[in-house]
Amino acid sequence: MISEELSLASSDGLSLEAVLDSPGSARAVLLMCHPHPRMGGTMNAPLLLALRDGLIARHWAVLRFNFRGIGGSQGESGTGEAEAADARAGAAFLQERFPGLPMAVGGWSFGAAVAVRMACAGERLIACLAIAPPVAAKPEITVGLPPPEGCSPSCPLLVVAGANDDQISPAECRSWAQCVKGAQYVEMAGANHFFWGKYDALASTVTRFLDETLEREA
């Protein structure tokens, strides 16, 4: 694995710290969005690193970055709307660095809501991955997911929730996904919000979905 520390430029002039992890030769790229900093979320969250390792083994390059106001990234953190500009900066970088390669976006918790909003905004993506997304808005924390009736993802969408999640509602995730065209829902038995002890199972679910989507695109 080759890792490269980067600085991304957001559309509103902020510098964002990022790391690009890539295999020797990538066949696709994934933009990864981290959870809320109040939950200890950064681009180096162990769950995201476990997913990265699984994807690198499958010849996906992975770009992780810190949202504004987190770590070495400039600005002040928000509830997910301003952070969408940060995600778009990551997507623009990947399109320039890997022209022509298929691109997907994924996120966990707070980052999952940002990833879904990006997919629903019509970004050029082959897949979107939302792990334990907050469906409902939480004041001063997250704007949550867009209403299902107003969300039309530009690509296949996988929503994954842990059956024992006490931070977000698996039932709300399931109901939301069932109302969104092109969305799949997977509920992982025995998993909590942090998927402790379930990293391998989660990585397998994620890589299978992304690989299958990539094969359909070929």
C-alpha atoms as a PDB file:
ATOM      1  CA  MET A   1       0.000   0.000   0.000  1.00  0.00           C
ATOM      2  CA  ILE A   2       1.241   3.474  -0.895  1.00  0.00           C
ATOM      3  CA  SER A   3       0.093   6.351   1.357  1.00  0.00           C
ATOM      4  CA  GLU A   4       0.369  10.013   0.401  1.00  0.00           C
ATOM      5  CA  GLU A   5      -0.428  12.972   2.663  1.00  0.00           C
ATOM      6  CA  LEU A   6      -2.313  15.683   0.800  1.00  0.00           C
ATOM      7  CA  SER A   7      -3.938  19.084   1.131  1.00  0.00           C
ATOM      8  CA  LEU A   8      -7.304  19.546  -0.569  1.00  0.00           C
ATOM      9  CA  ALA A   9      -8.833  22.915  -1.429  1.00  0.00           C
ATOM     10  CA  SER A  10     -12.542  23.333  -0.693  1.00  0.00           C
ATOM     11  CA  SER A  11     -14.711  25.507  -2.927  1.00  0.00           C
ATOM     12  CA  ASP A  12     -14.834  28.158  -0.198  1.00  0.00           C
ATOM     13  CA  GLY A  13     -11.064  28.395   0.121  1.00  0.00           C
ATOM     14  CA  LEU A  14     -10.265  26.094   3.037  1.00  0.00           C
ATOM     15  CA  SER A  15      -7.297  23.736   3.172  1.00  0.00           C
ATOM     16  CA  LEU A  16      -8.264  20.201   4.205  1.00  0.00           C
ATOM     17  CA  GLU A  17      -5.848  17.501   5.289  1.00  0.00           C
ATOM     18  CA  ALA A  18      -6.197  14.169   3.529  1.00  0.00           C
ATOM     19  CA  VAL A  19      -4.454  10.863   2.907  1.00  0.00           C
ATOM     20  CA  LEU A  20      -4.592   8.896  -0.315  1.00  0.00           C
ATOM     21  CA  ASP A  21      -4.021   5.155   0.150  1.00  0.00           C
ATOM     22  CA  SER A  22      -3.583   3.179  -3.040  1.00  0.00           C
ATOM     23  CA  PRO A  23      -2.489  -0.232  -4.252  1.00  0.00           C
ATOM     24  CA  GLY A  24       0.150  -0.518  -6.935  1.00  0.00           C
ATOM     25  CA  SER A  25      -2.524  -0.290  -9.612  1.00  0.00           C
ATOM     26  CA  ALA A  26      -6.056   0.871  -8.801  1.00  0.00           C
ATOM     27  CA  ARG A  27      -9.139  -0.241 -10.727  1.00  0.00           C
ATOM     28  CA  ALA A  28     -11.516   2.132  -8.912  1.00  0.00           C
ATOM     29  CA  VAL A  29     -11.500   4.819  -6.210  1.00  0.00           C
ATOM     30  CA  LEU A  30     -13.497   5.475  -3.040  1.00  0.00           C
ATOM     31  CA  LEU A  31     -13.948   8.770  -1.208  1.00  0.00           C
ATOM     32  CA  MET A  32     -14.358   8.082   2.522  1.00  0.00           C
ATOM     33  CA  CYS A  33     -16.254  10.430   4.903  1.00  0.00           C
ATOM     34  CA  HIS A  34     -15.615  10.161   8.648  1.00  0.00           C
ATOM     35  CA  PRO A  35     -18.033  10.242  11.614  1.00  0.00           C
ATOM     36  CA  HIS A  36     -18.809  13.255  13.804  1.00  0.00           C
ATOM     37  CA  PRO A  37     -15.894  14.617  15.856  1.00  0.00           C
ATOM     38  CA  ARG A  38     -18.055  14.566  18.976  1.00  0.00           C
ATOM     39  CA  MET A  39     -18.000  10.797  18.595  1.00  0.00           C
ATOM     40  CA  GLY A  40     -14.217  10.877  18.203  1.00  0.00           C
ATOM     41  CA  GLY A  41     -14.561  10.899  14.437  1.00  0.00           C
ATOM     42  CA  THR A  42     -11.598  11.671  12.207  1.00  0.00           C
ATOM     43  CA  MET A  43     -10.243  10.220   8.976  1.00  0.00           C
ATOM     44  CA  ASN A  44      -8.195   7.848  11.148  1.00  0.00           C
ATOM     45  CA  ALA A  45     -11.165   6.168  12.852  1.00  0.00           C
ATOM     46  CA  PRO A  46     -10.307   2.444  13.242  1.00  0.00           C
ATOM     47  CA  LEU A  47     -13.455   1.333  11.410  1.00  0.00           C
ATOM     48  CA  LEU A  48     -12.510   3.413   8.374  1.00  0.00           C
ATOM     49  CA  LEU A  49      -8.975   2.034   8.425  1.00  0.00           C
ATOM     50  CA  ALA A  50     -10.347  -1.520   8.486  1.00  0.00           C
ATOM     51  CA  LEU A  51     -12.552  -0.775   5.477  1.00  0.00           C
ATOM     52  CA  ARG A  52      -9.607   0.836   3.713  1.00  0.00           C
ATOM     53  CA  ASP A  53      -7.501  -2.277   4.202  1.00  0.00           C
ATOM     54  CA  GLY A  54     -10.225  -4.473   2.721  1.00  0.00           C
ATOM     55  CA  LEU A  55     -10.606  -2.199  -0.279  1.00  0.00           C
ATOM     56  CA  ILE A  56      -6.869  -1.876  -0.913  1.00  0.00           C
ATOM     57  CA  ALA A  57      -6.729  -5.676  -1.062  1.00  0.00           C
ATOM     58  CA  ARG A  58      -9.396  -5.491  -3.780  1.00  0.00           C
ATOM     59  CA  HIS A  59      -7.375  -2.896  -5.755  1.00  0.00           C
ATOM     60  CA  TRP A  60      -9.442   0.144  -4.791  1.00  0.00           C
ATOM     61  CA  ALA A  61      -7.656   3.418  -3.994  1.00  0.00           C
ATOM     62  CA  VAL A  62      -9.124   5.186  -0.945  1.00  0.00           C
ATOM     63  CA  LEU A  63      -9.059   8.910  -0.158  1.00  0.00           C
ATOM     64  CA  ARG A  64      -9.660   9.796   3.490  1.00  0.00           C
ATOM     65  CA  PHE A  65      -9.892  13.421   4.618  1.00  0.00           C
ATOM     66  CA  ASN A  66     -10.746  15.450   7.683  1.00  0.00           C
ATOM     67  CA  PHE A  67     -13.825  17.642   7.422  1.00  0.00           C
ATOM     68  CA  ARG A  68     -13.389  21.355   8.067  1.00  0.00           C
ATOM     69  CA  GLY A  69     -12.376  22.199  11.612  1.00  0.00           C
ATOM     70  CA  ILE A  70     -11.112  18.681  12.332  1.00  0.00           C
ATOM     71  CA  GLY A  71      -7.452  17.782  12.823  1.00  0.00           C
ATOM     72  CA  GLY A  72      -5.317  19.836  10.449  1.00  0.00           C
ATOM     73  CA  SER A  73      -8.234  21.016   8.304  1.00  0.00           C
ATOM     74  CA  GLN A  74      -9.075  24.707   8.354  1.00  0.00           C
ATOM     75  CA  GLY A  75     -12.466  26.204   9.193  1.00  0.00           C
ATOM     76  CA  GLU A  76     -15.185  25.345  11.681  1.00  0.00           C
ATOM     77  CA  SER A  77     -17.159  22.128  11.758  1.00  0.00           C
ATOM     78  CA  GLY A  78     -20.882  22.226  11.024  1.00  0.00           C
ATOM     79  CA  THR A  79     -23.838  19.885  10.783  1.00  0.00           C
ATOM     80  CA  GLY A  80     -23.137  18.408   7.348  1.00  0.00           C
ATOM     81  CA  GLU A  81     -24.222  21.031   4.837  1.00  0.00           C
ATOM     82  CA  ALA A  82     -20.904  22.901   4.636  1.00  0.00           C
ATOM     83  CA  GLU A  83     -19.082  19.570   4.826  1.00  0.00           C
ATOM     84  CA  ALA A  84     -20.634  18.625   1.484  1.00  0.00           C
ATOM     85  CA  ALA A  85     -18.218  21.135  -0.077  1.00  0.00           C
ATOM     86  CA  ASP A  86     -15.343  19.260   1.566  1.00  0.00           C
ATOM     87  CA  ALA A  87     -16.524  15.981   0.050  1.00  0.00           C
ATOM     88  CA  ARG A  88     -16.808  17.597  -3.367  1.00  0.00           C
ATOM     89  CA  ALA A  89     -13.197  18.771  -3.031  1.00  0.00           C
ATOM     90  CA  GLY A  90     -12.187  15.160  -2.461  1.00  0.00           C
ATOM     91  CA  ALA A  91     -14.169  13.998  -5.472  1.00  0.00           C
ATOM     92  CA  ALA A  92     -12.582  16.671  -7.672  1.00  0.00           C
ATOM     93  CA  PHE A  93      -9.125  15.570  -6.563  1.00  0.00           C
ATOM     94  CA  LEU A  94      -9.844  11.918  -7.354  1.00  0.00           C
ATOM     95  CA  GLN A  95     -11.232  12.768 -10.775  1.00  0.00           C
ATOM     96  CA  GLU A  96      -8.049  14.689 -11.560  1.00  0.00           C
ATOM     97  CA  ARG A  97      -5.650  12.106 -10.114  1.00  0.00           C
ATOM     98  CA  PHE A  98      -7.440   9.056 -11.567  1.00  0.00           C
ATOM     99  CA  PRO A  99      -9.130  10.266 -14.772  1.00  0.00           C
ATOM    100  CA  GLY A 100     -11.507   7.707 -16.161  1.00  0.00           C
ATOM    101  CA  LEU A 101     -11.529   5.414 -13.134  1.00  0.00           C
ATOM    102  CA  PRO A 102     -14.916   4.620 -11.556  1.00  0.00           C
ATOM    103  CA  MET A 103     -15.522   6.496  -8.301  1.00  0.00           C
ATOM    104  CA  ALA A 104     -17.688   5.688  -5.290  1.00  0.00           C
ATOM    105  CA  VAL A 105     -18.347   7.576  -2.055  1.00  0.00           C
ATOM    106  CA  GLY A 106     -18.891   6.164   1.401  1.00  0.00           C
ATOM    107  CA  GLY A 107     -19.218   7.304   4.971  1.00  0.00           C
ATOM    108  CA  TRP A 108     -19.932   6.242   8.521  1.00  0.00           C
ATOM    109  CA  SER A 109     -22.498   7.933  10.801  1.00  0.00           C
ATOM    110  CA  PHE A 110     -22.236  11.731  10.281  1.00  0.00           C
ATOM    111  CA  GLY A 111     -20.084  11.051   7.210  1.00  0.00           C
ATOM    112  CA  ALA A 112     -22.695   8.674   5.807  1.00  0.00           C
ATOM    113  CA  ALA A 113     -25.250  11.486   5.690  1.00  0.00           C
ATOM    114  CA  VAL A 114     -22.758  13.679   3.820  1.00  0.00           C
ATOM    115  CA  ALA A 115     -22.052  10.840   1.369  1.00  0.00           C
ATOM    116  CA  VAL A 116     -25.761  10.264   0.681  1.00  0.00           C
ATOM    117  CA  ARG A 117     -26.392  13.957   0.087  1.00  0.00           C
ATOM    118  CA  MET A 118     -23.493  13.947  -2.350  1.00  0.00           C
ATOM    119  CA  ALA A 119     -25.009  11.020  -4.266  1.00  0.00           C
ATOM    120  CA  CYS A 120     -28.434  12.665  -4.292  1.00  0.00           C
ATOM    121  CA  ALA A 121     -26.906  15.867  -5.672  1.00  0.00           C
ATOM    122  CA  GLY A 122     -26.070  14.110  -8.934  1.00  0.00           C
ATOM    123  CA  GLU A 123     -22.318  13.597  -8.521  1.00  0.00           C
ATOM    124  CA  ARG A 124     -20.753  11.263 -11.071  1.00  0.00           C
ATOM    125  CA  LEU A 125     -20.525   8.090  -8.964  1.00  0.00           C
ATOM    126  CA  ILE A 126     -20.935   4.359  -9.476  1.00  0.00           C
ATOM    127  CA  ALA A 127     -21.948   3.620  -5.865  1.00  0.00           C
ATOM    128  CA  CYS A 128     -22.698   5.154  -2.468  1.00  0.00           C
ATOM    129  CA  LEU A 129     -22.139   3.463   0.877  1.00  0.00           C
ATOM    130  CA  ALA A 130     -23.895   4.688   4.047  1.00  0.00           C
ATOM    131  CA  ILE A 131     -22.875   2.961   7.283  1.00  0.00           C
ATOM    132  CA  ALA A 132     -25.142   3.726  10.257  1.00  0.00           C
ATOM    133  CA  PRO A 133     -26.444   7.005   8.823  1.00  0.00           C
ATOM    134  CA  PRO A 134     -28.405   9.394  11.060  1.00  0.00           C
ATOM    135  CA  VAL A 135     -31.822   9.574   9.422  1.00  0.00           C
ATOM    136  CA  ALA A 136     -33.268  12.370  11.540  1.00  0.00           C
ATOM    137  CA  ALA A 137     -31.648  15.753  12.099  1.00  0.00           C
ATOM    138  CA  LYS A 138     -30.026  16.390  15.492  1.00  0.00           C
ATOM    139  CA  PRO A 139     -29.611  20.040  16.542  1.00  0.00           C
ATOM    140  CA  GLU A 140     -25.994  21.239  16.369  1.00  0.00           C
ATOM    141  CA  ILE A 141     -24.827  17.753  15.308  1.00  0.00           C
ATOM    142  CA  THR A 142     -26.233  16.698  11.936  1.00  0.00           C
ATOM    143  CA  VAL A 143     -28.801  17.681   9.336  1.00  0.00           C
ATOM    144  CA  GLY A 144     -29.428  13.962   8.843  1.00  0.00           C
ATOM    145  CA  LEU A 145     -30.480  12.342   5.592  1.00  0.00           C
ATOM    146  CA  PRO A 146     -32.587  14.099   2.974  1.00  0.00           C
ATOM    147  CA  PRO A 147     -36.266  13.071   2.979  1.00  0.00           C
ATOM    148  CA  PRO A 148     -36.628   9.836   0.985  1.00  0.00           C
ATOM    149  CA  GLU A 149     -39.208  11.358  -1.340  1.00  0.00           C
ATOM    150  CA  GLY A 150     -36.710  14.027  -2.317  1.00  0.00           C
ATOM    151  CA  CYS A 151     -33.681  11.762  -2.667  1.00  0.00           C
ATOM    152  CA  SER A 152     -32.837  10.274  -6.046  1.00  0.00           C
ATOM    153  CA  PRO A 153     -29.301   8.856  -5.841  1.00  0.00           C
ATOM    154  CA  SER A 154     -27.294   8.965  -9.043  1.00  0.00           C
ATOM    155  CA  CYS A 155     -25.994   5.455  -8.297  1.00  0.00           C
ATOM    156  CA  PRO A 156     -26.756   2.263  -6.346  1.00  0.00           C
ATOM    157  CA  LEU A 157     -26.857   2.913  -2.590  1.00  0.00           C
ATOM    158  CA  LEU A 158     -26.090   0.493   0.233  1.00  0.00           C
ATOM    159  CA  VAL A 159     -27.313   1.332   3.748  1.00  0.00           C
ATOM    160  CA  VAL A 160     -25.822  -0.767   6.563  1.00  0.00           C
ATOM    161  CA  ALA A 161     -26.909  -0.611  10.203  1.00  0.00           C
ATOM    162  CA  GLY A 162     -26.089  -2.641  13.271  1.00  0.00           C
ATOM    163  CA  ALA A 163     -29.035  -4.388  14.884  1.00  0.00           C
ATOM    164  CA  ASN A 164     -27.827  -3.247  18.319  1.00  0.00           C
ATOM    165  CA  ASP A 165     -27.074   0.353  17.382  1.00  0.00           C
ATOM    166  CA  ASP A 166     -28.112   2.692  20.203  1.00  0.00           C
ATOM    167  CA  GLN A 167     -26.910   5.881  18.463  1.00  0.00           C
ATOM    168  CA  ILE A 168     -29.117   5.736  15.378  1.00  0.00           C
ATOM    169  CA  SER A 169     -32.329   3.793  14.754  1.00  0.00           C
ATOM    170  CA  PRO A 170     -31.938   0.684  12.573  1.00  0.00           C
ATOM    171  CA  ALA A 171     -35.710   0.727  12.024  1.00  0.00           C
ATOM    172  CA  GLU A 172     -35.543   4.302  10.713  1.00  0.00           C
ATOM    173  CA  CYS A 173     -32.642   3.351   8.430  1.00  0.00           C
ATOM    174  CA  ARG A 174     -34.627   0.420   7.075  1.00  0.00           C
ATOM    175  CA  SER A 175     -37.764   2.486   6.476  1.00  0.00           C
ATOM    176  CA  TRP A 176     -35.776   5.261   4.791  1.00  0.00           C
ATOM    177  CA  ALA A 177     -33.933   2.843   2.482  1.00  0.00           C
ATOM    178  CA  GLN A 178     -37.154   1.077   1.517  1.00  0.00           C
ATOM    179  CA  CYS A 179     -38.528   4.385   0.240  1.00  0.00           C
ATOM    180  CA  VAL A 180     -35.484   5.286  -1.895  1.00  0.00           C
ATOM    181  CA  LYS A 181     -35.221   3.873  -5.395  1.00  0.00           C
ATOM    182  CA  GLY A 182     -32.032   1.892  -5.916  1.00  0.00           C
ATOM    183  CA  ALA A 183     -31.224   1.575  -2.212  1.00  0.00           C
ATOM    184  CA  GLN A 184     -30.364  -1.716  -0.507  1.00  0.00           C
ATOM    185  CA  TYR A 185     -30.524  -2.229   3.257  1.00  0.00           C
ATOM    186  CA  VAL A 186     -28.411  -4.632   5.312  1.00  0.00           C
ATOM    187  CA  GLU A 187     -28.859  -5.041   9.062  1.00  0.00           C
ATOM    188  CA  MET A 188     -25.922  -6.714  10.777  1.00  0.00           C
ATOM    189  CA  ALA A 189     -26.840  -8.985  13.685  1.00  0.00           C
ATOM    190  CA  GLY A 190     -24.942  -8.359  16.902  1.00  0.00           C
ATOM    191  CA  ALA A 191     -23.393  -5.102  15.676  1.00  0.00           C
ATOM    192  CA  ASN A 192     -23.533  -1.794  17.516  1.00  0.00           C
ATOM    193  CA  HIS A 193     -22.888   1.703  16.156  1.00  0.00           C
ATOM    194  CA  PHE A 194     -19.131   1.119  16.204  1.00  0.00           C
ATOM    195  CA  PHE A 195     -19.301  -2.409  14.736  1.00  0.00           C
ATOM    196  CA  TRP A 196     -16.937  -3.670  17.423  1.00  0.00           C
ATOM    197  CA  GLY A 197     -15.962  -7.239  16.669  1.00  0.00           C
ATOM    198  CA  LYS A 198     -17.685  -6.959  13.276  1.00  0.00           C
ATOM    199  CA  TYR A 199     -15.038  -5.235  11.174  1.00  0.00           C
ATOM    200  CA  ASP A 200     -14.370  -8.283   9.016  1.00  0.00           C
ATOM    201  CA  ALA A 201     -18.066  -8.898   8.370  1.00  0.00           C
ATOM    202  CA  LEU A 202     -18.635  -5.222   7.574  1.00  0.00           C
ATOM    203  CA  ALA A 203     -15.633  -5.080   5.240  1.00  0.00           C
ATOM    204  CA  SER A 204     -16.887  -8.190   3.448  1.00  0.00           C
ATOM    205  CA  THR A 205     -20.349  -6.660   2.978  1.00  0.00           C
ATOM    206  CA  VAL A 206     -18.898  -3.382   1.723  1.00  0.00           C
ATOM    207  CA  THR A 207     -16.332  -4.843  -0.674  1.00  0.00           C
ATOM    208  CA  ARG A 208     -18.882  -7.291  -2.114  1.00  0.00           C
ATOM    209  CA  PHE A 209     -21.345  -4.488  -2.829  1.00  0.00           C
ATOM    210  CA  LEU A 210     -18.697  -2.254  -4.383  1.00  0.00           C
ATOM    211  CA  ASP A 211     -17.152  -5.045  -6.463  1.00  0.00           C
ATOM    212  CA  GLU A 212     -20.550  -6.160  -7.753  1.00  0.00           C
ATOM    213  CA  THR A 213     -21.407  -2.580  -8.671  1.00  0.00           C
ATOM    214  CA  LEU A 214     -18.076  -2.201 -10.426  1.00  0.00           C
ATOM    215  CA  GLU A 215     -18.621  -5.404 -12.410  1.00  0.00           C
ATOM    216  CA  ARG A 216     -22.018  -4.152 -13.599  1.00  0.00           C
ATOM    217  CA  GLU A 217     -20.353  -0.959 -14.798  1.00  0.00           C
ATOM    218  CA  ALA A 218     -17.715  -2.848 -16.798  1.00  0.00           C
END
